[in-house]
Amino acid sequence: MPHLERLLMLDGVVAALRVYDDGTLAEATGHLDQIDTQLAAELCHANGRFMLHNSDMFMTLSGTTGWPARGWMMAGDELSVCGVAEVACFVRNSEVSFNEVFRTLTEI
């Protein structure tokens, strides 16, 4: 949990979670109610898997190395989700520095 707490210390981060490789919730912290945490874990797991699949296809089609992508983001009007590997966080767009979020996600 200490790693997830690092994310919550950043301005604009509402909640953070870590998922197992099968998409189940490993741990969560912040302002997600218990009913939504497993759904959030499944969403984050699925998006991470899609990103890996798409980056593999991009590398094959382009012949360009440097993939797979190291993270992903789903941007909404007010709230967004950012993820790297098995860790993701929900952020308020108006308050967050996405550079800080991705730097911290990468360090974790």
C-alpha atoms as a PDB file:
ATOM      1  CA  MET A   1       0.000   0.000   0.000  1.00  0.00           C
ATOM      2  CA  PRO A   2       2.789   2.571   0.589  1.00  0.00           C
ATOM      3  CA  HIS A   3       3.350   2.847  -3.161  1.00  0.00           C
ATOM      4  CA  LEU A   4      -0.301   3.607  -3.815  1.00  0.00           C
ATOM      5  CA  GLU A   5      -0.242   6.201  -1.048  1.00  0.00           C
ATOM      6  CA  ARG A   6       2.504   8.041  -2.987  1.00  0.00           C
ATOM      7  CA  LEU A   7       0.014   8.577  -5.791  1.00  0.00           C
ATOM      8  CA  LEU A   8      -2.623   9.954  -3.414  1.00  0.00           C
ATOM      9  CA  MET A   9      -0.153  12.599  -2.275  1.00  0.00           C
ATOM     10  CA  LEU A  10      -0.175  14.131  -5.778  1.00  0.00           C
ATOM     11  CA  ASP A  11      -2.597  16.982  -6.468  1.00  0.00           C
ATOM     12  CA  GLY A  12      -5.710  15.792  -8.263  1.00  0.00           C
ATOM     13  CA  VAL A  13      -5.324  12.058  -7.606  1.00  0.00           C
ATOM     14  CA  VAL A  14      -8.621  10.711  -6.285  1.00  0.00           C
ATOM     15  CA  ALA A  15      -7.860   6.987  -5.964  1.00  0.00           C
ATOM     16  CA  ALA A  16      -5.254   4.400  -6.868  1.00  0.00           C
ATOM     17  CA  LEU A  17      -5.355   0.657  -7.356  1.00  0.00           C
ATOM     18  CA  ARG A  18      -3.220  -2.336  -8.194  1.00  0.00           C
ATOM     19  CA  VAL A  19      -4.584  -5.324 -10.097  1.00  0.00           C
ATOM     20  CA  TYR A  20      -3.477  -8.923 -10.403  1.00  0.00           C
ATOM     21  CA  ASP A  21      -2.644 -10.324 -13.843  1.00  0.00           C
ATOM     22  CA  ASP A  22      -6.130 -11.876 -14.082  1.00  0.00           C
ATOM     23  CA  GLY A  23      -7.821  -8.488 -13.556  1.00  0.00           C
ATOM     24  CA  THR A  24      -8.896  -8.971  -9.960  1.00  0.00           C
ATOM     25  CA  LEU A  25      -8.277  -6.230  -7.449  1.00  0.00           C
ATOM     26  CA  ALA A  26      -5.071  -6.600  -5.421  1.00  0.00           C
ATOM     27  CA  GLU A  27      -5.359  -3.371  -3.409  1.00  0.00           C
ATOM     28  CA  ALA A  28      -7.035   0.022  -3.588  1.00  0.00           C
ATOM     29  CA  THR A  29      -6.859   3.297  -1.735  1.00  0.00           C
ATOM     30  CA  GLY A  30      -8.605   6.627  -1.997  1.00  0.00           C
ATOM     31  CA  HIS A  31     -12.173   7.573  -2.791  1.00  0.00           C
ATOM     32  CA  LEU A  32     -13.627   4.564  -4.608  1.00  0.00           C
ATOM     33  CA  ASP A  33     -16.537   2.913  -2.861  1.00  0.00           C
ATOM     34  CA  GLN A  34     -16.299  -0.857  -2.385  1.00  0.00           C
ATOM     35  CA  ILE A  35     -18.938  -1.651  -4.994  1.00  0.00           C
ATOM     36  CA  ASP A  36     -16.939  -0.016  -7.771  1.00  0.00           C
ATOM     37  CA  THR A  37     -13.400  -1.187  -6.949  1.00  0.00           C
ATOM     38  CA  GLN A  38     -13.610  -4.548  -8.733  1.00  0.00           C
ATOM     39  CA  LEU A  39     -15.179  -2.926 -11.785  1.00  0.00           C
ATOM     40  CA  ALA A  40     -12.425  -0.299 -11.747  1.00  0.00           C
ATOM     41  CA  ALA A  41      -9.805  -3.060 -11.531  1.00  0.00           C
ATOM     42  CA  GLU A  42     -11.328  -4.861 -14.517  1.00  0.00           C
ATOM     43  CA  LEU A  43     -11.432  -1.624 -16.523  1.00  0.00           C
ATOM     44  CA  CYS A  44      -7.777  -0.865 -15.780  1.00  0.00           C
ATOM     45  CA  HIS A  45      -6.649  -4.415 -16.496  1.00  0.00           C
ATOM     46  CA  ALA A  46      -8.523  -4.516 -19.811  1.00  0.00           C
ATOM     47  CA  ASN A  47      -7.142  -1.159 -20.947  1.00  0.00           C
ATOM     48  CA  GLY A  48      -3.601  -2.223 -20.099  1.00  0.00           C
ATOM     49  CA  ARG A  49      -4.032  -5.432 -22.091  1.00  0.00           C
ATOM     50  CA  PHE A  50      -5.516  -3.557 -25.069  1.00  0.00           C
ATOM     51  CA  MET A  51      -2.594  -1.123 -25.014  1.00  0.00           C
ATOM     52  CA  LEU A  52      -0.045  -3.950 -25.041  1.00  0.00           C
ATOM     53  CA  HIS A  53      -1.858  -5.668 -27.905  1.00  0.00           C
ATOM     54  CA  ASN A  54      -2.115  -2.450 -29.916  1.00  0.00           C
ATOM     55  CA  SER A  55       1.523  -1.555 -29.338  1.00  0.00           C
ATOM     56  CA  ASP A  56       2.580  -5.032 -30.528  1.00  0.00           C
ATOM     57  CA  MET A  57       0.555  -4.513 -33.716  1.00  0.00           C
ATOM     58  CA  PHE A  58       2.025  -1.025 -34.204  1.00  0.00           C
ATOM     59  CA  MET A  59       5.554  -2.370 -33.836  1.00  0.00           C
ATOM     60  CA  THR A  60       4.858  -5.134 -36.367  1.00  0.00           C
ATOM     61  CA  LEU A  61       3.204  -2.826 -38.892  1.00  0.00           C
ATOM     62  CA  SER A  62       5.676   0.037 -38.596  1.00  0.00           C
ATOM     63  CA  GLY A  63       8.887  -1.872 -38.101  1.00  0.00           C
ATOM     64  CA  THR A  64       9.687   0.686 -35.408  1.00  0.00           C
ATOM     65  CA  THR A  65      11.241  -0.493 -32.163  1.00  0.00           C
ATOM     66  CA  GLY A  66      10.669   1.138 -28.800  1.00  0.00           C
ATOM     67  CA  TRP A  67       7.294  -0.405 -28.124  1.00  0.00           C
ATOM     68  CA  PRO A  68       5.379  -1.652 -26.138  1.00  0.00           C
ATOM     69  CA  ALA A  69       3.948   1.479 -24.675  1.00  0.00           C
ATOM     70  CA  ARG A  70       4.841   2.107 -21.060  1.00  0.00           C
ATOM     71  CA  GLY A  71       1.464   3.406 -19.955  1.00  0.00           C
ATOM     72  CA  TRP A  72      -2.019   4.415 -20.980  1.00  0.00           C
ATOM     73  CA  MET A  73      -4.650   7.045 -20.240  1.00  0.00           C
ATOM     74  CA  MET A  74      -8.400   7.383 -20.702  1.00  0.00           C
ATOM     75  CA  ALA A  75      -9.381  11.041 -20.629  1.00  0.00           C
ATOM     76  CA  GLY A  76     -12.849  12.156 -19.633  1.00  0.00           C
ATOM     77  CA  ASP A  77     -14.263  15.660 -19.317  1.00  0.00           C
ATOM     78  CA  GLU A  78     -13.573  15.939 -15.588  1.00  0.00           C
ATOM     79  CA  LEU A  79     -12.028  12.635 -14.518  1.00  0.00           C
ATOM     80  CA  SER A  80      -9.341  10.525 -16.198  1.00  0.00           C
ATOM     81  CA  VAL A  81      -7.642   7.206 -15.525  1.00  0.00           C
ATOM     82  CA  CYS A  82      -3.882   6.691 -15.940  1.00  0.00           C
ATOM     83  CA  GLY A  83      -2.099   3.350 -15.761  1.00  0.00           C
ATOM     84  CA  VAL A  84       1.336   1.776 -15.973  1.00  0.00           C
ATOM     85  CA  ALA A  85       1.733  -1.999 -15.640  1.00  0.00           C
ATOM     86  CA  GLU A  86      -0.560  -3.213 -12.835  1.00  0.00           C
ATOM     87  CA  VAL A  87      -1.069   0.182 -11.139  1.00  0.00           C
ATOM     88  CA  ALA A  88      -3.621   2.828 -12.117  1.00  0.00           C
ATOM     89  CA  CYS A  89      -5.076   5.984 -10.646  1.00  0.00           C
ATOM     90  CA  PHE A  90      -8.136   8.146 -11.128  1.00  0.00           C
ATOM     91  CA  VAL A  91      -7.472  11.886 -11.369  1.00  0.00           C
ATOM     92  CA  ARG A  92      -9.360  15.183 -11.566  1.00  0.00           C
ATOM     93  CA  ASN A  93      -8.207  16.816 -14.802  1.00  0.00           C
ATOM     94  CA  SER A  94      -8.410  20.380 -13.503  1.00  0.00           C
ATOM     95  CA  GLU A  95      -6.079  19.658 -10.574  1.00  0.00           C
ATOM     96  CA  VAL A  96      -3.543  17.141 -11.835  1.00  0.00           C
ATOM     97  CA  SER A  97      -0.120  17.255 -13.448  1.00  0.00           C
ATOM     98  CA  PHE A  98      -0.169  14.293 -15.812  1.00  0.00           C
ATOM     99  CA  ASN A  99       3.637  14.426 -16.033  1.00  0.00           C
ATOM    100  CA  GLU A 100       3.888  13.951 -12.262  1.00  0.00           C
ATOM    101  CA  VAL A 101       1.335  11.147 -12.310  1.00  0.00           C
ATOM    102  CA  PHE A 102       3.121   9.187 -15.049  1.00  0.00           C
ATOM    103  CA  ARG A 103       6.529   9.810 -13.475  1.00  0.00           C
ATOM    104  CA  THR A 104       5.246   8.397 -10.176  1.00  0.00           C
ATOM    105  CA  LEU A 105       3.457   5.474 -11.850  1.00  0.00           C
ATOM    106  CA  THR A 106       6.680   4.604 -13.673  1.00  0.00           C
ATOM    107  CA  GLU A 107       8.700   4.747 -10.443  1.00  0.00           C
ATOM    108  CA  ILE A 108       6.232   2.482  -8.668  1.00  0.00           C
END
